[in-house]
C-alpha cells in the first residue's frame, strides 16, 4: 500500500500584495514540477484542492548563429616596411576601424531545449542578470511566435 504524503504550506504575500504559495523542493522534485510551470487548481468539493501541471503547447528552440561583418581598416605603413605589418596590426586588434557592414547571420545549430536548460544557459551567458526571477528571464529573452509564424508581442 502506498503512503500518501501530505504537505502543509502557508500563503505568503510579496511586496506587491500578490499571494504566493511556496511549494517545498521535495514536492517539486517528486512531481517533476519546476519554477515557472503553470499549475491548475481544482476544488475537490470536500474542502481540499488538487493541483496539476498544465502542459504547454509550445516548445523552446535554441538557435545558435554567427553574425558576420565586413570590416575595413586603413593602416599607414612606412614605404620600406612589409605590408604584413598592417595585417598584424588588425590581427592584434590594434587598428582603428574605418567602416563596417553587417553581411548577415549564419545558423550553426538548433535544438529544442527545456525551460531548465534555458535558465541555466541564461545565467551562464548573462551572469549580471542572475537575480532576475525566472518569468522575467523567459519573458524578456524569448521571441514568441503564433501558429502562423508571426511574432507575438
N, C-alpha and C. Protein backbone atom coordinates (compact mmCIF):
# COMPACT_ATOMS: atom_id res chain seq x y z
N UNK A 1 0.83 -1.18 0.00
CA UNK A 1 0.00 0.00 0.00
C UNK A 1 0.88 1.25 0.00
N UNK A 2 0.56 2.20 -0.87
CA UNK A 2 1.34 3.42 -0.99
C UNK A 2 0.90 4.42 0.07
N UNK A 3 1.86 5.01 0.75
CA UNK A 3 1.56 6.01 1.76
C UNK A 3 1.40 7.36 1.09
N UNK A 4 0.30 8.03 1.42
CA UNK A 4 0.05 9.36 0.85
C UNK A 4 0.84 10.39 1.63
N UNK A 5 1.61 11.20 0.90
CA UNK A 5 2.36 12.27 1.55
C UNK A 5 1.50 13.52 1.57
N UNK A 6 1.55 14.23 2.67
CA UNK A 6 0.82 15.49 2.79
C UNK A 6 1.81 16.60 3.12
N UNK A 7 1.57 17.74 2.53
CA UNK A 7 2.41 18.90 2.78
C UNK A 7 1.52 20.03 3.28
N UNK A 8 2.00 20.76 4.24
CA UNK A 8 1.29 21.93 4.72
C UNK A 8 2.16 23.14 4.39
N UNK A 9 1.56 24.10 3.71
CA UNK A 9 2.28 25.32 3.36
C UNK A 9 1.43 26.52 3.76
N UNK A 10 2.09 27.63 3.95
CA UNK A 10 1.41 28.86 4.34
C UNK A 10 1.54 29.87 3.21
N UNK A 11 0.42 30.46 2.83
CA UNK A 11 0.46 31.50 1.80
C UNK A 11 1.29 32.67 2.29
N UNK A 12 2.08 33.23 1.38
CA UNK A 12 2.89 34.41 1.69
C UNK A 12 2.46 35.53 0.77
N UNK A 13 2.80 36.75 1.13
CA UNK A 13 2.45 37.91 0.33
C UNK A 13 3.74 38.60 -0.12
N UNK A 14 3.81 38.90 -1.44
CA UNK A 14 5.01 39.59 -1.93
C UNK A 14 4.87 41.09 -1.74
N UNK A 15 5.87 41.85 -2.17
CA UNK A 15 5.88 43.30 -1.97
C UNK A 15 4.75 44.01 -2.70
N UNK A 16 4.13 43.35 -3.69
CA UNK A 16 3.03 43.95 -4.44
C UNK A 16 1.67 43.50 -3.93
N UNK A 17 1.66 42.73 -2.84
CA UNK A 17 0.39 42.25 -2.29
C UNK A 17 -0.12 40.99 -2.96
N UNK A 18 0.65 40.43 -3.90
CA UNK A 18 0.26 39.19 -4.57
C UNK A 18 0.52 38.01 -3.63
N UNK A 19 -0.37 37.03 -3.66
CA UNK A 19 -0.20 35.85 -2.81
C UNK A 19 0.71 34.83 -3.49
N UNK A 20 1.55 34.22 -2.68
CA UNK A 20 2.49 33.21 -3.16
C UNK A 20 2.27 31.94 -2.36
N UNK A 21 2.20 30.81 -3.05
CA UNK A 21 2.08 29.50 -2.41
C UNK A 21 3.43 28.81 -2.54
N UNK A 22 4.28 28.89 -1.51
CA UNK A 22 5.62 28.29 -1.61
C UNK A 22 5.55 26.78 -1.50
N UNK A 23 5.93 26.09 -2.56
CA UNK A 23 5.89 24.62 -2.56
C UNK A 23 7.27 24.08 -2.18
N UNK A 24 7.32 23.07 -1.30
CA UNK A 24 8.61 22.52 -0.87
C UNK A 24 9.38 21.91 -2.05
N UNK A 25 10.71 22.05 -2.02
CA UNK A 25 11.56 21.48 -3.08
C UNK A 25 11.33 19.99 -3.23
N UNK A 26 11.14 19.28 -2.11
CA UNK A 26 10.91 17.83 -2.16
C UNK A 26 9.67 17.50 -2.98
N UNK A 27 8.60 18.25 -2.77
CA UNK A 27 7.36 18.05 -3.54
C UNK A 27 7.59 18.35 -5.01
N UNK A 28 8.25 19.48 -5.29
CA UNK A 28 8.50 19.88 -6.68
C UNK A 28 9.27 18.79 -7.43
N UNK A 29 10.27 18.23 -6.77
CA UNK A 29 11.08 17.18 -7.39
C UNK A 29 10.25 15.90 -7.58
N UNK A 30 9.47 15.56 -6.57
CA UNK A 30 8.66 14.33 -6.59
C UNK A 30 7.66 14.31 -7.74
N UNK A 31 7.04 15.45 -8.02
CA UNK A 31 6.02 15.50 -9.07
C UNK A 31 6.55 16.07 -10.39
N UNK A 32 7.87 16.31 -10.44
CA UNK A 32 8.53 16.80 -11.64
C UNK A 32 7.98 18.17 -12.09
N UNK A 33 7.81 19.05 -11.12
CA UNK A 33 7.42 20.43 -11.40
C UNK A 33 8.65 21.30 -11.28
N UNK A 34 8.64 22.41 -12.01
CA UNK A 34 9.76 23.35 -11.99
C UNK A 34 9.24 24.76 -11.83
N UNK A 35 10.10 25.62 -11.32
CA UNK A 35 9.76 27.03 -11.22
C UNK A 35 9.35 27.53 -12.60
N UNK A 36 8.23 28.24 -12.68
CA UNK A 36 7.74 28.74 -13.95
C UNK A 36 6.66 27.89 -14.57
N UNK A 37 6.47 26.65 -14.08
CA UNK A 37 5.39 25.81 -14.60
C UNK A 37 4.05 26.44 -14.27
N UNK A 38 3.06 26.21 -15.13
CA UNK A 38 1.69 26.66 -14.88
C UNK A 38 0.93 25.54 -14.20
N UNK A 39 0.28 25.85 -13.08
CA UNK A 39 -0.47 24.85 -12.32
C UNK A 39 -1.95 25.18 -12.35
N UNK A 40 -2.76 24.12 -12.40
CA UNK A 40 -4.22 24.27 -12.38
C UNK A 40 -4.71 23.79 -11.02
N UNK A 41 -5.52 24.61 -10.35
CA UNK A 41 -6.09 24.26 -9.07
C UNK A 41 -7.52 23.78 -9.30
N UNK A 42 -7.87 22.62 -8.73
CA UNK A 42 -9.23 22.08 -8.85
C UNK A 42 -9.81 21.88 -7.46
N UNK A 43 -11.03 22.35 -7.26
CA UNK A 43 -11.74 22.17 -5.99
C UNK A 43 -12.27 20.75 -5.96
N UNK A 44 -11.86 19.98 -4.97
CA UNK A 44 -12.30 18.59 -4.86
C UNK A 44 -13.69 18.47 -4.24
N UNK A 45 -14.26 19.61 -3.83
CA UNK A 45 -15.62 19.60 -3.28
C UNK A 45 -15.70 19.13 -1.83
N UNK A 46 -14.58 18.82 -1.23
CA UNK A 46 -14.58 18.34 0.16
C UNK A 46 -13.69 19.21 1.06
N UNK A 47 -13.46 20.44 0.61
CA UNK A 47 -12.59 21.33 1.38
C UNK A 47 -11.13 21.23 1.01
N UNK A 48 -10.80 20.36 0.06
CA UNK A 48 -9.42 20.22 -0.40
C UNK A 48 -9.32 20.63 -1.86
N UNK A 49 -8.11 20.87 -2.29
CA UNK A 49 -7.86 21.24 -3.68
C UNK A 49 -6.78 20.34 -4.24
N UNK A 50 -6.82 20.11 -5.53
CA UNK A 50 -5.78 19.36 -6.24
C UNK A 50 -5.08 20.31 -7.20
N UNK A 51 -3.80 20.07 -7.40
CA UNK A 51 -3.04 20.86 -8.36
C UNK A 51 -2.47 19.92 -9.41
N UNK A 52 -2.55 20.33 -10.66
CA UNK A 52 -1.94 19.57 -11.74
C UNK A 52 -1.17 20.54 -12.64
N UNK A 53 -0.11 20.03 -13.22
CA UNK A 53 0.71 20.84 -14.12
C UNK A 53 -0.01 20.95 -15.46
N UNK A 54 -0.10 22.17 -15.98
CA UNK A 54 -0.69 22.40 -17.30
C UNK A 54 0.43 22.24 -18.32
N UNK A 55 0.29 21.27 -19.19
CA UNK A 55 1.30 21.04 -20.22
C UNK A 55 1.20 22.13 -21.27
N UNK A 56 2.30 22.72 -21.60
CA UNK A 56 2.34 23.82 -22.57
C UNK A 56 2.24 23.27 -24.00
N UNK A 57 1.65 24.06 -24.86
CA UNK A 57 1.54 23.67 -26.26
C UNK A 57 2.60 24.36 -27.12
N UNK A 58 3.67 24.77 -26.46
CA UNK A 58 4.79 25.39 -27.17
C UNK A 58 6.09 24.69 -26.75
N UNK A 59 7.15 24.98 -27.45
CA UNK A 59 8.47 24.46 -27.09
C UNK A 59 9.48 25.57 -27.30
N UNK A 60 10.60 25.46 -26.61
CA UNK A 60 11.69 26.42 -26.75
C UNK A 60 12.71 25.84 -27.71
N UNK A 61 13.09 26.61 -28.72
CA UNK A 61 14.10 26.19 -29.69
C UNK A 61 15.28 27.13 -29.59
N UNK A 62 16.44 26.58 -29.25
CA UNK A 62 17.67 27.35 -29.17
C UNK A 62 18.31 27.36 -30.56
N UNK A 63 18.49 28.53 -31.13
CA UNK A 63 19.16 28.68 -32.43
C UNK A 63 20.46 29.40 -32.18
N UNK A 64 21.58 28.79 -32.58
CA UNK A 64 22.89 29.42 -32.44
C UNK A 64 23.36 29.88 -33.81
N UNK A 65 23.82 31.13 -33.87
CA UNK A 65 24.23 31.72 -35.14
C UNK A 65 25.49 32.55 -34.93
N UNK A 66 26.18 32.77 -36.02
CA UNK A 66 27.32 33.69 -36.04
C UNK A 66 26.92 34.88 -36.89
N UNK A 67 27.10 36.06 -36.33
CA UNK A 67 26.80 37.29 -37.04
C UNK A 67 28.09 37.74 -37.72
N UNK A 68 28.02 38.02 -39.01
CA UNK A 68 29.22 38.38 -39.78
C UNK A 68 29.19 39.85 -40.20
N UNK A 69 30.36 40.45 -40.11
CA UNK A 69 30.53 41.83 -40.53
C UNK A 69 31.72 41.90 -41.49
N UNK A 70 31.62 42.78 -42.49
CA UNK A 70 32.78 43.09 -43.32
C UNK A 70 33.38 44.34 -42.70
N UNK A 71 34.60 44.20 -42.24
CA UNK A 71 35.27 45.30 -41.56
C UNK A 71 36.36 45.85 -42.48
N UNK A 72 36.58 47.15 -42.43
CA UNK A 72 37.67 47.78 -43.17
C UNK A 72 38.52 48.58 -42.20
N UNK A 73 39.83 48.52 -42.45
CA UNK A 73 40.80 49.27 -41.67
C UNK A 73 41.77 49.91 -42.66
N UNK A 74 42.26 51.06 -42.35
CA UNK A 74 43.31 51.69 -43.16
C UNK A 74 44.50 51.89 -42.24
N UNK A 75 45.61 51.23 -42.62
CA UNK A 75 46.81 51.31 -41.80
C UNK A 75 47.92 51.93 -42.64
N UNK A 76 48.51 52.97 -42.13
CA UNK A 76 49.62 53.64 -42.82
C UNK A 76 50.92 52.98 -42.36
N UNK A 77 51.67 52.43 -43.34
CA UNK A 77 52.89 51.68 -43.07
C UNK A 77 54.05 52.37 -43.79
N UNK A 78 55.22 52.48 -43.16
CA UNK A 78 56.38 53.06 -43.86
C UNK A 78 56.63 52.31 -45.18
N UNK A 79 57.03 53.07 -46.22
CA UNK A 79 57.23 52.50 -47.56
C UNK A 79 58.20 51.33 -47.58
N UNK A 80 59.22 51.38 -46.79
CA UNK A 80 60.24 50.35 -46.85
C UNK A 80 59.94 49.14 -45.95
N UNK A 81 58.71 49.10 -45.34
CA UNK A 81 58.33 48.00 -44.44
C UNK A 81 57.29 47.12 -45.12
N UNK A 82 57.22 45.85 -44.72
CA UNK A 82 56.28 44.92 -45.37
C UNK A 82 54.81 45.27 -45.07
N UNK A 83 53.95 45.00 -46.05
CA UNK A 83 52.52 45.27 -45.87
C UNK A 83 51.92 44.35 -44.79
N UNK A 84 52.61 43.25 -44.47
CA UNK A 84 52.13 42.34 -43.43
C UNK A 84 52.03 43.03 -42.07
N UNK A 85 52.76 44.12 -41.89
CA UNK A 85 52.63 44.88 -40.65
C UNK A 85 51.18 45.32 -40.44
N UNK A 86 50.55 45.71 -41.54
CA UNK A 86 49.14 46.13 -41.47
C UNK A 86 48.26 44.96 -41.03
N UNK A 87 48.54 43.76 -41.58
CA UNK A 87 47.76 42.57 -41.21
C UNK A 87 47.93 42.25 -39.72
N UNK A 88 49.18 42.34 -39.27
CA UNK A 88 49.46 42.08 -37.85
C UNK A 88 48.72 43.07 -36.95
N UNK A 89 48.68 44.30 -37.35
CA UNK A 89 48.02 45.33 -36.55
C UNK A 89 46.53 45.03 -36.41
N UNK A 90 45.91 44.57 -37.50
CA UNK A 90 44.48 44.21 -37.45
C UNK A 90 44.30 42.95 -36.61
N UNK A 91 45.12 41.94 -36.84
CA UNK A 91 45.01 40.67 -36.09
C UNK A 91 45.15 40.88 -34.59
N UNK A 92 45.99 41.82 -34.21
CA UNK A 92 46.22 42.09 -32.79
C UNK A 92 45.18 43.06 -32.23
N UNK A 93 44.18 43.39 -33.06
CA UNK A 93 43.07 44.27 -32.68
C UNK A 93 43.54 45.63 -32.19
N UNK A 94 44.58 46.14 -32.87
CA UNK A 94 45.11 47.45 -32.52
C UNK A 94 44.77 48.52 -33.56
N UNK A 95 44.17 48.11 -34.67
CA UNK A 95 43.87 49.06 -35.74
C UNK A 95 42.55 49.78 -35.47
N UNK A 96 42.49 51.02 -35.93
CA UNK A 96 41.26 51.79 -35.83
C UNK A 96 40.34 51.36 -36.98
N UNK A 97 39.09 51.14 -36.65
CA UNK A 97 38.12 50.71 -37.66
C UNK A 97 37.78 51.85 -38.62
N UNK A 98 37.77 51.54 -39.91
CA UNK A 98 37.42 52.51 -40.95
C UNK A 98 35.91 52.47 -41.20
N UNK A 99 35.38 51.24 -41.37
CA UNK A 99 33.94 51.07 -41.59
C UNK A 99 33.56 49.60 -41.39
N UNK A 100 32.26 49.38 -41.28
CA UNK A 100 31.77 48.00 -41.19
C UNK A 100 30.38 47.92 -41.80
N UNK A 101 30.08 46.74 -42.33
CA UNK A 101 28.77 46.45 -42.89
C UNK A 101 28.37 45.05 -42.41
N UNK A 102 27.17 44.93 -41.86
CA UNK A 102 26.68 43.62 -41.45
C UNK A 102 26.30 42.84 -42.70
N UNK A 103 26.88 41.66 -42.86
CA UNK A 103 26.61 40.86 -44.06
C UNK A 103 25.70 39.68 -43.79
N UNK A 104 25.23 39.54 -42.55
CA UNK A 104 24.24 38.50 -42.28
C UNK A 104 24.63 37.57 -41.15
N UNK A 105 23.74 36.63 -40.92
CA UNK A 105 23.96 35.63 -39.88
C UNK A 105 23.96 34.26 -40.50
N UNK A 106 24.82 33.42 -40.00
CA UNK A 106 24.88 32.02 -40.43
C UNK A 106 24.46 31.16 -39.25
N UNK A 107 23.43 30.34 -39.45
CA UNK A 107 22.95 29.47 -38.38
C UNK A 107 23.88 28.28 -38.25
N UNK A 108 24.36 28.08 -37.03
CA UNK A 108 25.26 26.97 -36.74
C UNK A 108 24.50 25.73 -36.32
N UNK A 109 23.49 25.91 -35.47
CA UNK A 109 22.75 24.75 -34.95
C UNK A 109 21.41 25.20 -34.39
N UNK A 110 20.56 24.22 -34.15
CA UNK A 110 19.30 24.48 -33.46
C UNK A 110 18.85 23.20 -32.77
N UNK A 111 18.15 23.37 -31.65
CA UNK A 111 17.63 22.21 -30.92
C UNK A 111 16.57 22.67 -29.95
N UNK A 112 15.69 21.75 -29.60
CA UNK A 112 14.67 22.02 -28.59
C UNK A 112 15.34 21.94 -27.22
N UNK A 113 15.04 22.91 -26.36
CA UNK A 113 15.59 22.92 -25.01
C UNK A 113 14.46 22.99 -24.00
N UNK A 114 14.76 22.57 -22.79
CA UNK A 114 13.79 22.67 -21.70
C UNK A 114 13.90 24.05 -21.06
N UNK A 115 12.90 24.37 -20.26
CA UNK A 115 12.93 25.63 -19.51
C UNK A 115 14.13 25.66 -18.58
N UNK A 116 14.46 24.50 -18.00
CA UNK A 116 15.61 24.42 -17.09
C UNK A 116 16.91 24.71 -17.84
N UNK A 117 17.05 24.16 -19.06
CA UNK A 117 18.24 24.44 -19.87
C UNK A 117 18.32 25.93 -20.20
N UNK A 118 17.16 26.52 -20.58
CA UNK A 118 17.12 27.95 -20.87
C UNK A 118 17.65 28.74 -19.69
N UNK A 119 17.12 28.44 -18.50
CA UNK A 119 17.50 29.20 -17.31
C UNK A 119 18.97 29.00 -16.95
N UNK A 120 19.48 27.79 -17.10
CA UNK A 120 20.89 27.53 -16.82
C UNK A 120 21.78 28.30 -17.78
N UNK A 121 21.47 28.23 -19.08
CA UNK A 121 22.26 28.94 -20.09
C UNK A 121 22.12 30.45 -19.93
N UNK A 122 20.92 30.90 -19.56
CA UNK A 122 20.72 32.33 -19.35
C UNK A 122 21.67 32.85 -18.28
N UNK A 123 21.72 32.12 -17.16
CA UNK A 123 22.59 32.55 -16.05
C UNK A 123 24.06 32.47 -16.43
N UNK A 124 24.44 31.48 -17.25
CA UNK A 124 25.83 31.37 -17.71
C UNK A 124 26.20 32.52 -18.64
N UNK A 125 25.30 32.83 -19.58
CA UNK A 125 25.59 33.84 -20.60
C UNK A 125 25.33 35.27 -20.12
N UNK A 126 24.47 35.43 -19.14
CA UNK A 126 24.06 36.76 -18.67
C UNK A 126 24.17 36.85 -17.15
N UNK A 127 25.34 36.54 -16.64
CA UNK A 127 25.55 36.48 -15.20
C UNK A 127 25.12 37.73 -14.45
N UNK A 128 25.20 38.88 -15.09
CA UNK A 128 24.82 40.13 -14.45
C UNK A 128 23.31 40.23 -14.23
N UNK A 129 22.52 39.31 -14.81
CA UNK A 129 21.07 39.32 -14.64
C UNK A 129 20.57 38.11 -13.84
N UNK A 130 21.47 37.40 -13.18
CA UNK A 130 21.11 36.21 -12.41
C UNK A 130 20.02 36.47 -11.38
N UNK A 131 19.96 37.68 -10.86
CA UNK A 131 19.00 37.97 -9.80
C UNK A 131 17.57 38.13 -10.32
N UNK A 132 17.39 38.22 -11.63
CA UNK A 132 16.04 38.31 -12.19
C UNK A 132 15.29 37.03 -11.87
N UNK A 133 13.97 37.10 -11.70
CA UNK A 133 13.19 35.88 -11.49
C UNK A 133 13.02 35.17 -12.84
N UNK A 134 12.70 33.88 -12.77
CA UNK A 134 12.65 33.05 -13.97
C UNK A 134 11.66 33.57 -15.01
N UNK A 135 10.49 34.03 -14.57
CA UNK A 135 9.49 34.53 -15.51
C UNK A 135 10.01 35.75 -16.28
N UNK A 136 10.71 36.65 -15.58
CA UNK A 136 11.25 37.83 -16.26
C UNK A 136 12.30 37.42 -17.29
N UNK A 137 13.15 36.46 -16.94
CA UNK A 137 14.16 35.98 -17.88
C UNK A 137 13.49 35.43 -19.14
N UNK A 138 12.48 34.58 -18.94
CA UNK A 138 11.79 33.96 -20.08
C UNK A 138 11.05 35.00 -20.91
N UNK A 139 10.37 35.93 -20.26
CA UNK A 139 9.57 36.91 -21.00
C UNK A 139 10.42 37.93 -21.73
N UNK A 140 11.56 38.32 -21.16
CA UNK A 140 12.39 39.36 -21.77
C UNK A 140 13.29 38.82 -22.89
N UNK A 141 13.63 37.53 -22.84
CA UNK A 141 14.62 37.00 -23.78
C UNK A 141 14.12 35.83 -24.61
N UNK A 142 12.82 35.73 -24.79
CA UNK A 142 12.25 34.69 -25.65
C UNK A 142 11.38 35.37 -26.70
N UNK A 143 11.63 35.07 -27.96
CA UNK A 143 10.79 35.57 -29.04
C UNK A 143 9.66 34.57 -29.22
N UNK A 144 8.42 35.04 -29.11
CA UNK A 144 7.26 34.15 -29.19
C UNK A 144 6.62 34.24 -30.57
N UNK A 145 6.32 33.09 -31.14
CA UNK A 145 5.65 33.02 -32.44
C UNK A 145 4.26 32.42 -32.27
N UNK A 146 3.30 32.92 -33.05
CA UNK A 146 1.96 32.32 -33.03
C UNK A 146 1.89 31.18 -34.03
N UNK A 147 0.73 30.57 -34.17
CA UNK A 147 0.57 29.39 -35.05
C UNK A 147 0.79 29.72 -36.53
N UNK A 148 0.78 31.01 -36.89
CA UNK A 148 1.05 31.41 -38.27
C UNK A 148 2.51 31.73 -38.50
N UNK A 149 3.32 31.73 -37.41
CA UNK A 149 4.73 32.06 -37.53
C UNK A 149 5.03 33.53 -37.35
N UNK A 150 4.01 34.31 -36.97
CA UNK A 150 4.19 35.74 -36.73
C UNK A 150 4.67 35.96 -35.31
N UNK A 151 5.50 36.99 -35.10
CA UNK A 151 5.99 37.32 -33.76
C UNK A 151 4.84 37.90 -32.94
N UNK A 152 4.72 37.41 -31.72
CA UNK A 152 3.70 37.86 -30.79
C UNK A 152 4.35 38.82 -29.81
N UNK A 153 3.70 39.97 -29.56
CA UNK A 153 4.23 40.95 -28.61
C UNK A 153 4.17 40.44 -27.19
